[in-house]
Amino acid sequence: MSAKYEPKTPITLAPPRDDPITLEELRSADGMSLNRGGQVLTHPQGIVFDVTGNKAYVPGGSYHVFAGKDASRGLAKSSVKPEDATAEWEDLGEDEKKVLDDWFTFFSKRYNIVGKVVKA
């Protein structure tokens, strides 16, 4: 795996969890009403990462649009437009899907995986 995604400072991550997280629970972790133990969550492709401590995801932060949402499309398109903070990514081109995969690798080296979104 490419070293370009390695954090500058080594990070010790907890073992990944596969706790089921509903869309409602995910929405409640938007940085405004932190109902999951103070976590701000985002998830590419259904995997939920705990991005607590990264000020980019709190209100006013550059990536707050992704907090409490499925960030897949926005990450793939390198877009922080609210309308792109959606789960729909399957229709994207191969280049955008590669970008999404790169984001997943980036996240997985920095943030704990705390669960997986379950559809109601």
C-alpha atoms as a PDB file:
ATOM      1  CA  MET A   1       0.000   0.000   0.000  1.00  0.00           C
ATOM      2  CA  SER A   2       1.244   3.432  -0.863  1.00  0.00           C
ATOM      3  CA  ALA A   3       3.115   5.363   1.802  1.00  0.00           C
ATOM      4  CA  LYS A   4       1.525   8.578   0.540  1.00  0.00           C
ATOM      5  CA  TYR A   5      -1.516   7.849   2.723  1.00  0.00           C
ATOM      6  CA  GLU A   6       0.449   7.221   5.905  1.00  0.00           C
ATOM      7  CA  PRO A   7      -0.060   9.846   8.624  1.00  0.00           C
ATOM      8  CA  LYS A   8       2.985  11.967   9.460  1.00  0.00           C
ATOM      9  CA  THR A   9       2.687  10.942  13.102  1.00  0.00           C
ATOM     10  CA  PRO A  10       2.034   7.257  13.826  1.00  0.00           C
ATOM     11  CA  ILE A  11      -1.519   6.579  15.002  1.00  0.00           C
ATOM     12  CA  THR A  12      -2.664   3.608  17.032  1.00  0.00           C
ATOM     13  CA  LEU A  13      -6.156   2.614  15.975  1.00  0.00           C
ATOM     14  CA  ALA A  14      -8.610   0.388  17.806  1.00  0.00           C
ATOM     15  CA  PRO A  15      -9.683  -2.810  16.072  1.00  0.00           C
ATOM     16  CA  PRO A  16     -12.446  -2.054  13.560  1.00  0.00           C
ATOM     17  CA  ARG A  17     -15.978  -2.494  14.882  1.00  0.00           C
ATOM     18  CA  ASP A  18     -18.992  -3.497  12.855  1.00  0.00           C
ATOM     19  CA  ASP A  19     -21.672  -2.072  15.127  1.00  0.00           C
ATOM     20  CA  PRO A  20     -24.885  -1.421  13.196  1.00  0.00           C
ATOM     21  CA  ILE A  21     -25.565   2.312  12.917  1.00  0.00           C
ATOM     22  CA  THR A  22     -28.862   3.554  11.545  1.00  0.00           C
ATOM     23  CA  LEU A  23     -29.090   6.553   9.240  1.00  0.00           C
ATOM     24  CA  GLU A  24     -30.915   8.363  12.047  1.00  0.00           C
ATOM     25  CA  GLU A  25     -28.023   7.724  14.442  1.00  0.00           C
ATOM     26  CA  LEU A  26     -25.565   8.862  11.797  1.00  0.00           C
ATOM     27  CA  ARG A  27     -27.505  12.097  11.220  1.00  0.00           C
ATOM     28  CA  SER A  28     -27.464  12.798  14.969  1.00  0.00           C
ATOM     29  CA  ALA A  29     -23.654  12.812  14.908  1.00  0.00           C
ATOM     30  CA  ASP A  30     -23.411  15.920  12.765  1.00  0.00           C
ATOM     31  CA  GLY A  31     -21.318  17.936  15.166  1.00  0.00           C
ATOM     32  CA  MET A  32     -24.371  19.850  16.340  1.00  0.00           C
ATOM     33  CA  SER A  33     -26.036  17.165  18.449  1.00  0.00           C
ATOM     34  CA  LEU A  34     -23.405  14.623  19.344  1.00  0.00           C
ATOM     35  CA  ASN A  35     -25.391  11.641  20.536  1.00  0.00           C
ATOM     36  CA  ARG A  36     -22.760   8.928  20.088  1.00  0.00           C
ATOM     37  CA  GLY A  37     -20.427   9.666  22.962  1.00  0.00           C
ATOM     38  CA  GLY A  38     -19.174  12.925  21.495  1.00  0.00           C
ATOM     39  CA  GLN A  39     -18.228  11.471  18.124  1.00  0.00           C
ATOM     40  CA  VAL A  40     -18.608  13.209  14.816  1.00  0.00           C
ATOM     41  CA  LEU A  41     -19.079  10.550  12.173  1.00  0.00           C
ATOM     42  CA  THR A  42     -18.851  10.292   8.433  1.00  0.00           C
ATOM     43  CA  HIS A  43     -18.751   7.286   6.201  1.00  0.00           C
ATOM     44  CA  PRO A  44     -17.633   6.462   2.724  1.00  0.00           C
ATOM     45  CA  GLN A  45     -19.456   3.441   1.284  1.00  0.00           C
ATOM     46  CA  GLY A  46     -21.292   2.534   4.483  1.00  0.00           C
ATOM     47  CA  ILE A  47     -18.279   2.333   6.791  1.00  0.00           C
ATOM     48  CA  VAL A  48     -18.534   4.747   9.727  1.00  0.00           C
ATOM     49  CA  PHE A  49     -15.374   6.462  10.899  1.00  0.00           C
ATOM     50  CA  ASP A  50     -14.987   8.385  14.152  1.00  0.00           C
ATOM     51  CA  VAL A  51     -13.464  11.703  13.129  1.00  0.00           C
ATOM     52  CA  THR A  52     -13.729  13.216  16.613  1.00  0.00           C
ATOM     53  CA  GLY A  53     -10.951  15.670  17.231  1.00  0.00           C
ATOM     54  CA  ASN A  54     -10.588  16.768  13.626  1.00  0.00           C
ATOM     55  CA  LYS A  55     -11.825  20.342  13.598  1.00  0.00           C
ATOM     56  CA  ALA A  56     -12.595  20.125   9.880  1.00  0.00           C
ATOM     57  CA  TYR A  57     -15.798  18.202  10.720  1.00  0.00           C
ATOM     58  CA  VAL A  58     -17.222  20.467  13.430  1.00  0.00           C
ATOM     59  CA  PRO A  59     -19.636  23.327  12.630  1.00  0.00           C
ATOM     60  CA  GLY A  60     -17.754  25.936  10.641  1.00  0.00           C
ATOM     61  CA  GLY A  61     -15.103  23.409   9.579  1.00  0.00           C
ATOM     62  CA  SER A  62     -14.216  22.867   5.938  1.00  0.00           C
ATOM     63  CA  TYR A  63     -15.684  19.322   5.906  1.00  0.00           C
ATOM     64  CA  HIS A  64     -18.624  19.840   8.270  1.00  0.00           C
ATOM     65  CA  VAL A  65     -20.935  19.177   5.302  1.00  0.00           C
ATOM     66  CA  PHE A  66     -19.903  15.504   5.590  1.00  0.00           C
ATOM     67  CA  ALA A  67     -20.467  15.130   9.346  1.00  0.00           C
ATOM     68  CA  GLY A  68     -23.380  12.843  10.086  1.00  0.00           C
ATOM     69  CA  LYS A  69     -23.828  11.962   6.422  1.00  0.00           C
ATOM     70  CA  ASP A  70     -22.638   9.496   3.862  1.00  0.00           C
ATOM     71  CA  ALA A  71     -19.795  11.439   2.286  1.00  0.00           C
ATOM     72  CA  SER A  72     -19.189   9.044  -0.606  1.00  0.00           C
ATOM     73  CA  ARG A  73     -20.257  11.173  -3.567  1.00  0.00           C
ATOM     74  CA  GLY A  74     -18.724  14.378  -2.254  1.00  0.00           C
ATOM     75  CA  LEU A  75     -15.422  12.674  -1.505  1.00  0.00           C
ATOM     76  CA  ALA A  76     -15.336  10.973  -4.898  1.00  0.00           C
ATOM     77  CA  LYS A  77     -16.060  14.258  -6.673  1.00  0.00           C
ATOM     78  CA  SER A  78     -13.788  16.304  -4.371  1.00  0.00           C
ATOM     79  CA  SER A  79     -16.836  18.450  -3.682  1.00  0.00           C
ATOM     80  CA  VAL A  80     -18.031  20.029  -0.447  1.00  0.00           C
ATOM     81  CA  LYS A  81     -21.348  21.095  -1.939  1.00  0.00           C
ATOM     82  CA  PRO A  82     -24.204  19.978   0.336  1.00  0.00           C
ATOM     83  CA  GLU A  83     -26.013  18.380  -2.598  1.00  0.00           C
ATOM     84  CA  ASP A  84     -23.002  16.098  -3.155  1.00  0.00           C
ATOM     85  CA  ALA A  85     -22.923  14.848   0.460  1.00  0.00           C
ATOM     86  CA  THR A  86     -24.938  11.782  -0.491  1.00  0.00           C
ATOM     87  CA  ALA A  87     -24.525   8.028  -0.650  1.00  0.00           C
ATOM     88  CA  GLU A  88     -24.960   7.749  -4.418  1.00  0.00           C
ATOM     89  CA  TRP A  89     -21.580   6.864  -5.903  1.00  0.00           C
ATOM     90  CA  GLU A  90     -22.236   3.801  -8.066  1.00  0.00           C
ATOM     91  CA  ASP A  91     -22.954   5.929 -11.163  1.00  0.00           C
ATOM     92  CA  LEU A  92     -19.622   7.744 -11.005  1.00  0.00           C
ATOM     93  CA  GLY A  93     -16.789   7.198 -13.451  1.00  0.00           C
ATOM     94  CA  GLU A  94     -13.800   4.986 -12.748  1.00  0.00           C
ATOM     95  CA  ASP A  95     -11.559   7.973 -11.952  1.00  0.00           C
ATOM     96  CA  GLU A  96     -13.996   9.231  -9.303  1.00  0.00           C
ATOM     97  CA  LYS A  97     -14.364   5.729  -7.839  1.00  0.00           C
ATOM     98  CA  LYS A  98     -10.566   5.580  -7.563  1.00  0.00           C
ATOM     99  CA  VAL A  99     -10.620   8.901  -5.683  1.00  0.00           C
ATOM    100  CA  LEU A 100     -13.236   7.442  -3.311  1.00  0.00           C
ATOM    101  CA  ASP A 101     -11.063   4.361  -2.761  1.00  0.00           C
ATOM    102  CA  ASP A 102      -8.109   6.640  -2.005  1.00  0.00           C
ATOM    103  CA  TRP A 103     -10.214   8.531   0.559  1.00  0.00           C
ATOM    104  CA  PHE A 104     -11.189   5.239   2.168  1.00  0.00           C
ATOM    105  CA  THR A 105      -7.506   4.322   2.471  1.00  0.00           C
ATOM    106  CA  PHE A 106      -6.722   7.777   3.884  1.00  0.00           C
ATOM    107  CA  PHE A 107      -9.521   7.549   6.472  1.00  0.00           C
ATOM    108  CA  SER A 108      -8.676   3.974   7.467  1.00  0.00           C
ATOM    109  CA  LYS A 109      -5.136   5.018   8.410  1.00  0.00           C
ATOM    110  CA  ARG A 110      -6.316   7.905  10.615  1.00  0.00           C
ATOM    111  CA  TYR A 111      -9.720   7.177  12.131  1.00  0.00           C
ATOM    112  CA  ASN A 112     -11.276   4.304  14.006  1.00  0.00           C
ATOM    113  CA  ILE A 113     -13.971   2.344  12.227  1.00  0.00           C
ATOM    114  CA  VAL A 114     -16.894   2.325  14.647  1.00  0.00           C
ATOM    115  CA  GLY A 115     -19.580   0.594  12.640  1.00  0.00           C
ATOM    116  CA  LYS A 116     -21.481   0.115   9.432  1.00  0.00           C
ATOM    117  CA  VAL A 117     -24.626   1.867   8.316  1.00  0.00           C
ATOM    118  CA  VAL A 118     -27.709  -0.318   8.188  1.00  0.00           C
ATOM    119  CA  LYS A 119     -30.618   0.726   6.036  1.00  0.00           C
ATOM    120  CA  ALA A 120     -34.005   0.885   7.762  1.00  0.00           C
END
